[in-house]
Amino acid sequence: MVYHFEAIQAFSRSALPRLDIVATAVFAISGALQAAKARQNIVTFAFFAAVTGVGGGTVRDLLMGAPVFWVHTTTPMAVCLVMALLVWFTPTRWWPHHAIDWFDGMGVAAYGVYGAAKAQAYGVPWLPAAVLGVVTACMGGIFRDVLANVPSIVIRPELYVTAAALSAGCYVLLAACGVPQLVATTIAFAAGFALRGAAIRHGINLPAYRRS
C-alpha cells in the first residue's frame, strides 16, 4: 500500500487520536469488568483489559500494513492497565448490572469512527475503510468473550455489529460529503452509540434466518 504521509500527519495532528484513547479506555474497562465477573486475579484483569482495549486496533493496523499503534507509544497500554486497576480497586456495587454492555457500546461507536478515519488517512478506499472501522470496533469484544469462555457478543440477538457499521459508515459518508471532521465524528459516534444503546435497553435485533 502507498501511504499518503501528508494525510497521515494531518490525521495525527487532529482530535481523532484522543477518541482512540477514549475508546481504548472504555473497552479496557469492559474487559476488566468481565474479569471481575469471573472473579479473576489482578494479572487476568490487566490481560483482559489490554486485549479488549487494543485488540481491534491491532487487527486493523495489521490488515492495512500500518505500524501497530500501541507498540510505538506507551499511552494505550498504560491506559489499559490504569483501567484494570480502577476496576480492581472499586466496589462491585459501583458498576451497574449492564456496565459491560454500556462501556462496550461506547467503545463500539468510538472505534467504529476512529478505525474508519485512520484507514482513510492511510489511503484505504471508502468501503474497506468502513469495514476496518467495524473490525476495530468489534474484535476487542470478541477476544474478550473468547478468553472469558462466554458466548461472543457478536452472536447475541441485539444489534452490535450493525451499530459499529453505522458509526463507521456515517463517518465515511459525511467525510465524503465534505462535512468538517469534528462534526462528522460527533454525528457518527452519536448515531452508533444511540443504536447500540437502544439495542441494549429494548432488545432490538435484526430478523433471524428462518428458511426451512
Protein backbone atom coordinates (compact mmCIF):
# COMPACT_ATOMS: atom_id res chain seq x y z
CA MET A 1 0.00 0.00 0.00
CA VAL A 2 1.24 3.52 -0.87
CA TYR A 3 0.91 5.75 2.19
CA HIS A 4 -0.05 9.41 1.89
CA PHE A 5 2.23 10.83 4.56
CA GLU A 6 0.66 14.28 4.49
CA ALA A 7 -2.75 12.75 5.23
CA ILE A 8 -1.28 10.59 7.99
CA GLN A 9 0.43 13.58 9.60
CA ALA A 10 -2.78 15.63 9.38
CA PHE A 11 -4.68 12.77 10.98
CA SER A 12 -2.13 12.54 13.79
CA ARG A 13 -2.50 16.28 14.49
CA SER A 14 -6.29 16.13 14.56
CA ALA A 15 -8.54 15.49 17.56
CA LEU A 16 -9.24 11.90 16.46
CA PRO A 17 -6.29 10.29 18.32
CA ARG A 18 -8.00 11.48 21.53
CA LEU A 19 -11.05 9.46 20.51
CA ASP A 20 -8.73 6.47 20.21
CA ILE A 21 -7.66 6.88 23.85
CA VAL A 22 -11.29 7.19 24.98
CA ALA A 23 -12.26 4.05 23.06
CA THR A 24 -9.26 2.16 24.43
CA ALA A 25 -10.21 3.18 27.97
CA VAL A 26 -13.88 2.15 27.78
CA PHE A 27 -13.05 -1.14 26.08
CA ALA A 28 -10.40 -1.82 28.72
CA ILE A 29 -12.99 -1.21 31.44
CA SER A 30 -15.34 -3.69 29.80
CA GLY A 31 -12.54 -6.26 29.70
CA ALA A 32 -11.67 -5.70 33.35
CA LEU A 33 -15.34 -5.96 34.32
CA GLN A 34 -15.54 -9.30 32.54
CA ALA A 35 -12.57 -10.47 34.61
CA ALA A 36 -14.31 -9.18 37.76
CA LYS A 37 -17.46 -11.05 36.82
CA ALA A 38 -15.39 -14.23 36.58
CA ARG A 39 -13.62 -13.39 39.90
CA GLN A 40 -10.14 -13.49 38.36
CA ASN A 41 -6.84 -12.20 39.79
CA ILE A 42 -5.17 -8.86 39.10
CA VAL A 43 -2.97 -10.25 36.32
CA THR A 44 -6.02 -11.54 34.49
CA PHE A 45 -7.71 -8.18 34.99
CA ALA A 46 -4.77 -6.48 33.28
CA PHE A 47 -4.66 -9.05 30.48
CA PHE A 48 -8.40 -8.82 29.76
CA ALA A 49 -8.24 -5.01 29.82
CA ALA A 50 -5.27 -4.91 27.43
CA VAL A 51 -6.60 -7.47 24.98
CA THR A 52 -10.02 -5.81 24.87
CA GLY A 53 -8.61 -2.29 24.71
CA VAL A 54 -6.09 -2.74 21.89
CA GLY A 55 -7.25 -5.95 20.19
CA GLY A 56 -9.41 -4.37 17.49
CA GLY A 57 -6.87 -1.67 16.64
CA THR A 58 -4.12 -4.26 16.42
CA VAL A 59 -6.06 -6.30 13.86
CA ARG A 60 -6.87 -3.12 11.91
CA ASP A 61 -3.25 -2.00 11.73
CA LEU A 62 -2.02 -5.45 10.73
CA LEU A 63 -4.63 -5.69 7.95
CA MET A 64 -3.68 -2.36 6.40
CA GLY A 65 0.06 -2.79 6.93
CA ALA A 66 0.44 0.12 9.33
CA PRO A 67 2.68 0.18 12.41
CA VAL A 68 0.72 -1.40 15.27
CA PHE A 69 -0.34 1.65 17.25
CA TRP A 70 0.39 0.54 20.82
CA VAL A 71 3.90 -0.78 20.07
CA HIS A 72 5.35 2.68 19.42
CA THR A 73 3.84 4.64 22.32
CA THR A 74 3.22 3.87 25.95
CA THR A 75 -0.15 5.61 26.28
CA PRO A 76 -2.60 2.92 25.03
CA MET A 77 -1.18 0.12 27.17
CA ALA A 78 -0.82 2.43 30.16
CA VAL A 79 -4.49 3.40 29.82
CA CYS A 80 -5.48 -0.28 29.75
CA LEU A 81 -3.51 -1.03 32.92
CA VAL A 82 -4.89 2.00 34.74
CA MET A 83 -8.45 0.98 33.85
CA ALA A 84 -7.76 -2.55 35.10
CA LEU A 85 -6.55 -1.15 38.42
CA LEU A 86 -9.54 1.18 38.60
CA VAL A 87 -11.97 -1.72 38.31
CA TRP A 88 -9.90 -3.89 40.68
CA PHE A 89 -9.97 -1.29 43.48
CA THR A 90 -13.61 -0.17 43.18
CA PRO A 91 -16.53 -1.98 44.82
CA THR A 92 -18.72 -4.14 42.62
CA ARG A 93 -21.80 -2.13 43.61
CA TRP A 94 -20.36 0.89 41.79
CA TRP A 95 -20.77 -0.88 38.45
CA PRO A 96 -24.35 -1.34 37.14
CA HIS A 97 -25.54 -4.76 36.04
CA HIS A 98 -25.18 -3.90 32.34
CA ALA A 99 -21.97 -1.87 32.75
CA ILE A 100 -20.04 -4.17 30.41
CA ASP A 101 -22.62 -3.66 27.67
CA TRP A 102 -22.70 0.13 28.05
CA PHE A 103 -18.93 0.61 28.14
CA ASP A 104 -18.64 -1.80 25.23
CA GLY A 105 -21.29 0.21 23.37
CA MET A 106 -19.32 3.42 23.81
CA GLY A 107 -16.21 1.66 22.55
CA VAL A 108 -18.04 0.27 19.54
CA ALA A 109 -19.25 3.71 18.48
CA ALA A 110 -15.92 5.45 19.12
CA TYR A 111 -13.74 2.81 17.48
CA GLY A 112 -16.09 2.50 14.50
CA VAL A 113 -15.43 6.15 13.74
CA TYR A 114 -11.74 6.14 14.60
CA GLY A 115 -10.96 2.94 12.71
CA ALA A 116 -12.60 4.21 9.53
CA ALA A 117 -10.90 7.59 9.82
CA LYS A 118 -7.45 6.11 10.36
CA ALA A 119 -7.92 3.71 7.44
CA GLN A 120 -8.84 6.60 5.14
CA ALA A 121 -5.82 8.58 6.34
CA TYR A 122 -3.67 5.62 5.28
CA GLY A 123 -5.20 5.68 1.80
CA VAL A 124 -7.73 2.86 2.19
CA PRO A 125 -10.77 3.32 -0.12
CA TRP A 126 -14.10 4.20 1.46
CA LEU A 127 -15.72 0.74 1.63
CA PRO A 128 -12.70 -1.16 3.06
CA ALA A 129 -12.19 1.81 5.40
CA ALA A 130 -15.71 1.37 6.76
CA VAL A 131 -15.09 -2.38 7.14
CA LEU A 132 -11.87 -1.67 9.05
CA GLY A 133 -13.89 0.60 11.30
CA VAL A 134 -16.16 -2.35 12.09
CA VAL A 135 -13.14 -4.60 12.65
CA THR A 136 -11.63 -2.05 15.03
CA ALA A 137 -14.90 -1.77 16.94
CA CYS A 138 -15.73 -5.47 17.25
CA MET A 139 -12.55 -7.53 17.54
CA GLY A 140 -11.63 -6.43 21.07
CA GLY A 141 -15.00 -7.57 22.39
CA ILE A 142 -14.71 -10.85 20.50
CA PHE A 143 -11.27 -11.52 22.02
CA ARG A 144 -12.60 -10.67 25.49
CA ASP A 145 -15.51 -13.08 25.20
CA VAL A 146 -13.35 -15.89 23.82
CA LEU A 147 -10.90 -15.51 26.71
CA ALA A 148 -13.75 -15.44 29.22
CA ASN A 149 -15.34 -18.52 27.62
CA VAL A 150 -18.71 -16.80 27.27
CA PRO A 151 -20.94 -16.57 24.17
CA SER A 152 -19.48 -13.95 21.85
CA ILE A 153 -21.22 -10.61 21.96
CA VAL A 154 -21.47 -10.56 18.16
CA ILE A 155 -23.85 -13.56 18.14
CA ARG A 156 -26.17 -12.19 20.80
CA PRO A 157 -29.54 -11.19 19.37
CA GLU A 158 -29.44 -7.43 19.92
CA LEU A 159 -27.70 -5.15 17.43
CA TYR A 160 -23.92 -4.91 17.83
CA VAL A 161 -22.00 -5.16 14.55
CA THR A 162 -24.77 -3.07 12.98
CA ALA A 163 -24.05 -0.24 15.44
CA ALA A 164 -20.35 -0.37 14.57
CA ALA A 165 -21.20 -0.34 10.87
CA LEU A 166 -23.49 2.66 11.39
CA SER A 167 -20.72 4.65 13.11
CA ALA A 168 -18.10 3.75 10.52
CA GLY A 169 -20.45 4.18 7.56
CA CYS A 170 -21.76 7.55 8.77
CA TYR A 171 -18.25 8.88 9.21
CA VAL A 172 -17.10 7.75 5.77
CA LEU A 173 -20.24 9.18 4.14
CA LEU A 174 -20.05 12.52 5.94
CA ALA A 175 -16.33 12.84 5.23
CA ALA A 176 -17.00 12.18 1.54
CA CYS A 177 -19.60 14.96 1.58
CA GLY A 178 -17.04 17.42 2.94
CA VAL A 179 -18.51 17.71 6.43
CA PRO A 180 -15.92 19.07 8.90
CA GLN A 181 -14.13 16.30 10.78
CA LEU A 182 -15.36 17.24 14.25
CA VAL A 183 -18.97 17.42 13.09
CA ALA A 184 -18.71 14.14 11.18
CA THR A 185 -17.11 12.44 14.18
CA THR A 186 -19.77 13.70 16.59
CA ILE A 187 -22.69 12.68 14.38
CA ALA A 188 -21.25 9.26 13.56
CA PHE A 189 -20.41 8.48 17.20
CA ALA A 190 -23.83 9.62 18.39
CA ALA A 191 -25.61 7.53 15.76
CA GLY A 192 -23.71 4.35 16.58
CA PHE A 193 -23.99 4.77 20.34
CA ALA A 194 -27.70 5.62 20.14
CA LEU A 195 -28.39 2.48 18.12
CA ARG A 196 -26.35 0.27 20.43
CA GLY A 197 -27.96 1.87 23.48
CA ALA A 198 -31.44 1.28 22.09
CA ALA A 199 -30.50 -2.34 21.38
CA ILE A 200 -29.27 -2.83 24.96
CA ARG A 201 -32.29 -1.18 26.55
CA HIS A 202 -35.02 -2.51 24.29
CA GLY A 203 -33.50 -5.71 22.89
CA ILE A 204 -33.64 -4.50 19.28
CA ASN A 205 -32.34 -7.08 16.81
CA LEU A 206 -32.34 -7.96 13.15
CA PRO A 207 -34.66 -10.72 11.86
CA ALA A 208 -33.10 -14.18 12.20
CA TYR A 209 -32.78 -16.60 9.32
CA ARG A 210 -35.99 -18.63 9.18
CA ARG A 211 -35.86 -20.54 5.90
CA SER A 212 -36.96 -24.15 6.38
